[in-house]
Amino acid sequence: MPHMSSEPTRSWLFTPGTRPERFAKAAEISADVLIIDLEDAVAPADKDGARTVALDWLAANASTPSRIGHALRVNGLDTAAGIADLHALIRHTAVPDYLVIPKVESAGHVEIMDRLLTSAGKDTRLVAIIESVRGLREIEAIAGASGRLVGLMFGAADMAADLGCVTAWEPLVSVRAQIVAACALATIAPIDTPFFDVRDTAGCAAEAKRAVDHGFIAKAAIHPSQIAPINAVLTPSAAAIEAARSIVATNINGVGTVDGKMIDEAVARKARRVLAAAG
């Protein structure tokens, strides 16, 4: 599974577009990607102001050495605010690393964004949020819609509302499996949904571990306190790295054993993913 950039992209922190004083703090807490949110975190009356603030900040902070990734979540493409977001982005000098598109329900949503960014001369990559039954139905087409698309993010709250189920792990595990499978088919990154109880860092870490076990390579966050546990879970341990190196070295000569366990190409593929995650 290829990385979305040469830098880590384990943790994606949503920050309201109305709170510019928090933008720089994402780097201080070691978030890998800051998502400036113009959608759910911004009230309708504040969207115009947040849009201006976000784009101006992105333009002013484009060339900072060794900075974290910068993403912008726009409003839905079927809303007036979303159209205004896109119009402003295309005309502005800001070039976010990622554009996060909510409520993607067809390959056309991604293709439209690709064409608009190309016409504006921006090399911004795309991340589509899958958060509806319609989006889930079209997920394979969405995942393969554009070379700009580098990941699918799971939107659990809206998906649970669509399905009429509880926003919890078990009722949504089959949805997660479909997202991971579609990403594997398109060789893009599956990004898990945020953990919604900001007071429960242990619960956040446990859910991140489950997500990794199911094939996710990143997780979104809605509070700075969630970044440390997410990064810890998504960073391979020294023991895991050493084991992966042994497996890859053994596999060069074909089928073998490491610590008494048979090693073949399937096991080696998993080991190479561990080494890729470790950089």
Protein backbone atom coordinates (compact mmCIF):
# COMPACT_ATOMS: atom_id res chain seq x y z
CA MET A 1 0.00 0.00 0.00
CA PRO A 2 1.74 3.22 -1.08
CA HIS A 3 2.02 6.19 1.24
CA MET A 4 0.16 9.35 0.31
CA SER A 5 3.34 11.36 0.64
CA SER A 6 6.96 10.90 1.67
CA GLU A 7 5.98 11.97 5.20
CA PRO A 8 3.89 9.98 7.72
CA THR A 9 0.12 10.24 7.35
CA ARG A 10 -1.03 8.27 10.38
CA SER A 11 -3.10 10.90 12.16
CA TRP A 12 -5.47 13.45 10.59
CA LEU A 13 -6.67 16.17 12.99
CA PHE A 14 -9.88 18.05 12.22
CA THR A 15 -9.72 21.69 13.34
CA PRO A 16 -12.58 24.20 12.88
CA GLY A 17 -11.97 26.75 10.16
CA THR A 18 -13.15 29.41 12.60
CA ARG A 19 -10.21 28.75 14.96
CA PRO A 20 -7.04 29.85 13.13
CA GLU A 21 -5.15 30.12 16.43
CA ARG A 22 -5.33 26.31 16.59
CA PHE A 23 -3.97 25.59 13.12
CA ALA A 24 -0.27 25.76 14.04
CA LYS A 25 -0.83 23.73 17.21
CA ALA A 26 -1.50 20.60 15.16
CA ALA A 27 2.23 20.40 14.44
CA GLU A 28 3.09 20.93 18.11
CA ILE A 29 1.16 17.81 19.11
CA SER A 30 2.70 15.79 16.22
CA ALA A 31 -0.41 15.36 14.09
CA ASP A 32 0.66 14.20 10.65
CA VAL A 33 -2.05 16.10 8.77
CA LEU A 34 -4.06 19.16 9.80
CA ILE A 35 -7.56 19.22 8.32
CA ILE A 36 -9.01 22.72 8.33
CA ASP A 37 -12.71 22.02 8.42
CA LEU A 38 -15.20 24.24 6.59
CA GLU A 39 -18.06 21.74 6.86
CA ASP A 40 -19.45 20.25 10.08
CA ALA A 41 -17.34 22.35 12.45
CA VAL A 42 -18.53 25.69 11.03
CA ALA A 43 -21.98 27.20 11.53
CA PRO A 44 -23.78 28.41 8.37
CA ALA A 45 -23.40 32.06 9.36
CA ASP A 46 -19.63 31.66 9.77
CA LYS A 47 -18.79 29.80 6.56
CA ASP A 48 -17.83 32.84 4.47
CA GLY A 49 -15.43 34.10 7.12
CA ALA A 50 -13.95 30.66 7.78
CA ARG A 51 -13.36 30.11 4.07
CA THR A 52 -11.36 33.33 3.76
CA VAL A 53 -9.34 32.67 6.90
CA ALA A 54 -8.54 29.09 5.89
CA LEU A 55 -7.40 29.90 2.36
CA ASP A 56 -5.31 32.87 3.47
CA TRP A 57 -3.62 30.75 6.14
CA LEU A 58 -2.93 27.90 3.73
CA ALA A 59 -1.37 30.31 1.23
CA ALA A 60 0.79 31.95 3.89
CA ASN A 61 2.01 28.63 5.29
CA ALA A 62 2.67 26.74 2.06
CA SER A 63 6.48 26.73 2.15
CA THR A 64 7.33 26.17 5.80
CA PRO A 65 10.17 23.58 5.95
CA SER A 66 9.33 20.21 7.52
CA ARG A 67 5.75 21.21 8.19
CA ILE A 68 2.93 18.73 8.59
CA GLY A 69 0.49 18.03 5.80
CA HIS A 70 -2.26 20.59 5.24
CA ALA A 71 -5.75 19.53 4.19
CA LEU A 72 -8.96 21.45 3.60
CA ARG A 73 -12.36 19.85 4.06
CA VAL A 74 -14.87 21.71 1.93
CA ASN A 75 -18.63 21.56 2.20
CA GLY A 76 -20.60 19.05 0.17
CA LEU A 77 -20.65 19.49 -3.59
CA ASP A 78 -24.46 19.58 -3.50
CA THR A 79 -24.56 22.66 -1.26
CA ALA A 80 -24.21 26.37 -1.99
CA ALA A 81 -21.42 26.56 0.59
CA GLY A 82 -19.55 23.76 -1.17
CA ILE A 83 -19.77 25.50 -4.54
CA ALA A 84 -18.53 28.70 -2.91
CA ASP A 85 -15.63 26.80 -1.32
CA LEU A 86 -14.53 25.40 -4.68
CA HIS A 87 -14.92 28.72 -6.48
CA ALA A 88 -12.80 30.46 -3.84
CA LEU A 89 -10.13 27.73 -3.83
CA ILE A 90 -9.73 27.80 -7.60
CA ARG A 91 -9.30 31.59 -7.62
CA HIS A 92 -7.00 31.68 -4.57
CA THR A 93 -3.24 31.12 -4.49
CA ALA A 94 -3.61 28.52 -1.70
CA VAL A 95 -2.62 24.98 -2.68
CA PRO A 96 -3.47 22.57 0.16
CA ASP A 97 -1.74 19.22 0.11
CA TYR A 98 -5.10 17.46 0.35
CA LEU A 99 -8.69 18.36 -0.40
CA VAL A 100 -11.08 16.31 1.71
CA ILE A 101 -14.45 15.86 -0.01
CA PRO A 102 -17.42 14.97 2.21
CA LYS A 103 -20.40 12.78 1.29
CA VAL A 104 -18.89 11.40 -1.93
CA GLU A 105 -21.52 9.22 -3.60
CA SER A 106 -20.23 8.73 -7.14
CA ALA A 107 -17.06 8.65 -9.19
CA GLY A 108 -18.33 11.85 -10.82
CA HIS A 109 -17.80 13.78 -7.59
CA VAL A 110 -14.11 12.90 -7.66
CA GLU A 111 -13.76 13.44 -11.40
CA ILE A 112 -15.24 16.93 -11.14
CA MET A 113 -12.76 17.88 -8.43
CA ASP A 114 -9.89 16.48 -10.48
CA ARG A 115 -10.85 18.58 -13.52
CA LEU A 116 -11.29 21.76 -11.48
CA LEU A 117 -7.93 21.39 -9.75
CA THR A 118 -6.21 20.59 -13.04
CA SER A 119 -7.70 23.67 -14.69
CA ALA A 120 -6.47 25.77 -11.76
CA GLY A 121 -2.96 24.31 -12.00
CA LYS A 122 -3.04 22.92 -8.46
CA ASP A 123 -1.37 19.60 -7.55
CA THR A 124 -3.61 19.08 -4.52
CA ARG A 125 -4.42 15.43 -3.82
CA LEU A 126 -7.92 14.19 -2.98
CA VAL A 127 -9.39 12.25 -0.08
CA ALA A 128 -13.04 11.16 -0.38
CA ILE A 129 -15.19 10.57 2.68
CA ILE A 130 -17.49 7.55 2.41
CA GLU A 131 -20.38 8.27 4.75
CA SER A 132 -23.58 7.17 3.04
CA VAL A 133 -25.16 4.01 1.70
CA ARG A 134 -25.07 5.51 -1.80
CA GLY A 135 -21.36 6.13 -1.47
CA LEU A 136 -20.79 2.62 -0.20
CA ARG A 137 -22.68 1.17 -3.17
CA GLU A 138 -20.36 3.02 -5.58
CA ILE A 139 -17.18 2.60 -3.56
CA GLU A 140 -15.09 0.68 -6.10
CA ALA A 141 -15.85 3.21 -8.85
CA ILE A 142 -15.08 6.07 -6.46
CA ALA A 143 -11.77 4.51 -5.36
CA GLY A 144 -10.58 4.23 -8.95
CA ALA A 145 -11.95 7.55 -10.24
CA SER A 146 -8.79 9.64 -10.31
CA GLY A 147 -5.03 9.48 -9.97
CA ARG A 148 -5.34 12.42 -7.58
CA LEU A 149 -7.36 10.32 -5.14
CA VAL A 150 -4.98 9.00 -2.49
CA GLY A 151 -7.37 7.80 0.19
CA LEU A 152 -10.89 7.03 1.36
CA MET A 153 -11.90 8.23 4.82
CA PHE A 154 -14.72 6.54 6.72
CA GLY A 155 -17.47 8.82 8.03
CA ALA A 156 -19.08 6.68 10.73
CA ALA A 157 -21.67 9.06 12.17
CA ASP A 158 -23.46 9.80 8.92
CA MET A 159 -23.15 6.18 7.79
CA ALA A 160 -24.75 4.97 11.03
CA ALA A 161 -27.59 7.46 10.56
CA ASP A 162 -28.10 6.17 7.01
CA LEU A 163 -28.14 2.56 8.18
CA GLY A 164 -30.17 3.24 11.31
CA CYS A 165 -27.57 1.53 13.49
CA VAL A 166 -25.55 2.51 16.56
CA THR A 167 -22.30 4.39 15.94
CA ALA A 168 -20.13 1.63 17.34
CA TRP A 169 -17.54 -0.83 16.07
CA GLU A 170 -19.62 -3.98 15.66
CA PRO A 171 -22.56 -2.58 13.63
CA LEU A 172 -20.15 -0.87 11.23
CA VAL A 173 -17.45 -3.50 10.86
CA SER A 174 -18.78 -4.68 7.49
CA VAL A 175 -18.66 -1.11 6.17
CA ARG A 176 -15.05 -0.80 7.27
CA ALA A 177 -14.24 -4.05 5.50
CA GLN A 178 -15.69 -2.75 2.23
CA ILE A 179 -13.70 0.48 2.50
CA VAL A 180 -10.44 -1.38 3.16
CA ALA A 181 -11.10 -3.78 0.26
CA ALA A 182 -11.86 -0.95 -2.19
CA CYS A 183 -8.69 0.87 -1.15
CA ALA A 184 -6.62 -2.28 -1.56
CA LEU A 185 -8.03 -2.78 -5.04
CA ALA A 186 -7.16 0.80 -6.03
CA THR A 187 -3.88 0.89 -4.03
CA ILE A 188 -4.95 3.95 -2.05
CA ALA A 189 -5.05 4.52 1.70
CA PRO A 190 -7.97 3.63 3.99
CA ILE A 191 -8.37 6.21 6.77
CA ASP A 192 -10.55 5.28 9.75
CA THR A 193 -13.23 7.52 11.23
CA PRO A 194 -12.58 9.63 14.35
CA PHE A 195 -13.26 8.20 17.80
CA PHE A 196 -16.03 10.40 19.17
CA ASP A 197 -15.45 10.26 22.95
CA VAL A 198 -12.69 12.82 23.39
CA ARG A 199 -12.33 11.95 27.11
CA ASP A 200 -11.53 8.29 26.48
CA THR A 201 -7.96 8.13 25.17
CA ALA A 202 -7.71 4.42 26.01
CA GLY A 203 -10.83 3.76 23.96
CA CYS A 204 -9.36 5.77 21.10
CA ALA A 205 -6.16 3.69 21.20
CA ALA A 206 -8.16 0.45 21.32
CA GLU A 207 -10.26 1.46 18.31
CA ALA A 208 -7.12 2.52 16.42
CA LYS A 209 -5.61 -0.93 17.10
CA ARG A 210 -8.75 -2.59 15.78
CA ALA A 211 -8.64 -0.40 12.70
CA VAL A 212 -5.01 -1.36 12.02
CA ASP A 213 -5.87 -5.03 12.49
CA HIS A 214 -8.59 -4.62 9.84
CA GLY A 215 -6.24 -2.97 7.34
CA PHE A 216 -6.52 0.79 7.94
CA ILE A 217 -3.24 2.73 7.76
CA ALA A 218 -4.45 6.02 9.28
CA LYS A 219 -7.11 7.41 11.58
CA ALA A 220 -8.81 10.78 11.84
CA ALA A 221 -9.09 12.68 15.14
CA ILE A 222 -11.35 15.41 16.47
CA HIS A 223 -9.30 16.43 19.52
CA PRO A 224 -5.57 17.01 20.11
CA SER A 225 -5.55 14.46 22.96
CA GLN A 226 -6.27 11.70 20.42
CA ILE A 227 -3.14 12.26 18.34
CA ALA A 228 -0.62 10.62 20.70
CA PRO A 229 -2.55 7.33 21.06
CA ILE A 230 -3.24 7.16 17.32
CA ASN A 231 0.40 7.77 16.42
CA ALA A 232 1.56 5.22 18.99
CA VAL A 233 -0.69 2.50 17.58
CA LEU A 234 0.11 3.28 13.95
CA THR A 235 3.88 3.40 14.47
CA PRO A 236 5.44 -0.09 14.24
CA SER A 237 7.41 -1.08 17.33
CA ALA A 238 11.13 -1.87 17.19
CA ALA A 239 10.27 -5.56 17.67
CA ALA A 240 7.77 -5.49 14.81
CA ILE A 241 10.29 -3.80 12.53
CA GLU A 242 13.01 -6.33 13.36
CA ALA A 243 10.62 -9.22 12.79
CA ALA A 244 9.56 -7.75 9.46
CA ARG A 245 13.19 -7.38 8.37
CA SER A 246 13.86 -11.02 9.25
CA ILE A 247 10.83 -12.14 7.26
CA VAL A 248 11.79 -10.13 4.18
CA ALA A 249 15.39 -11.36 4.35
CA THR A 250 14.25 -14.97 4.66
CA ASN A 251 11.76 -14.62 1.82
CA ILE A 252 14.52 -13.67 -0.62
CA ASN A 253 15.43 -17.35 -0.73
CA GLY A 254 11.83 -18.50 -1.09
CA VAL A 255 9.77 -20.31 1.51
CA GLY A 256 11.48 -20.54 4.91
CA THR A 257 10.85 -20.19 8.64
CA VAL A 258 11.29 -17.40 11.18
CA ASP A 259 10.83 -18.24 14.86
CA GLY A 260 9.36 -21.57 13.84
CA LYS A 261 6.69 -20.06 11.58
CA MET A 262 6.52 -20.68 7.85
CA ILE A 263 7.36 -17.66 5.71
CA ASP A 264 6.01 -17.32 2.17
CA GLU A 265 5.27 -14.41 -0.17
CA ALA A 266 1.94 -13.58 1.52
CA VAL A 267 3.67 -13.21 4.90
CA ALA A 268 6.47 -11.20 3.27
CA ARG A 269 3.96 -8.81 1.71
CA LYS A 270 2.60 -8.02 5.15
CA ALA A 271 6.12 -7.55 6.46
CA ARG A 272 6.93 -5.09 3.69
CA ARG A 273 3.86 -3.08 4.72
CA VAL A 274 5.21 -2.88 8.26
CA LEU A 275 8.55 -1.60 6.97
CA ALA A 276 6.79 0.92 4.72
CA ALA A 277 4.77 2.20 7.68
CA ALA A 278 8.02 2.57 9.63
CA GLY A 279 9.49 4.66 6.83
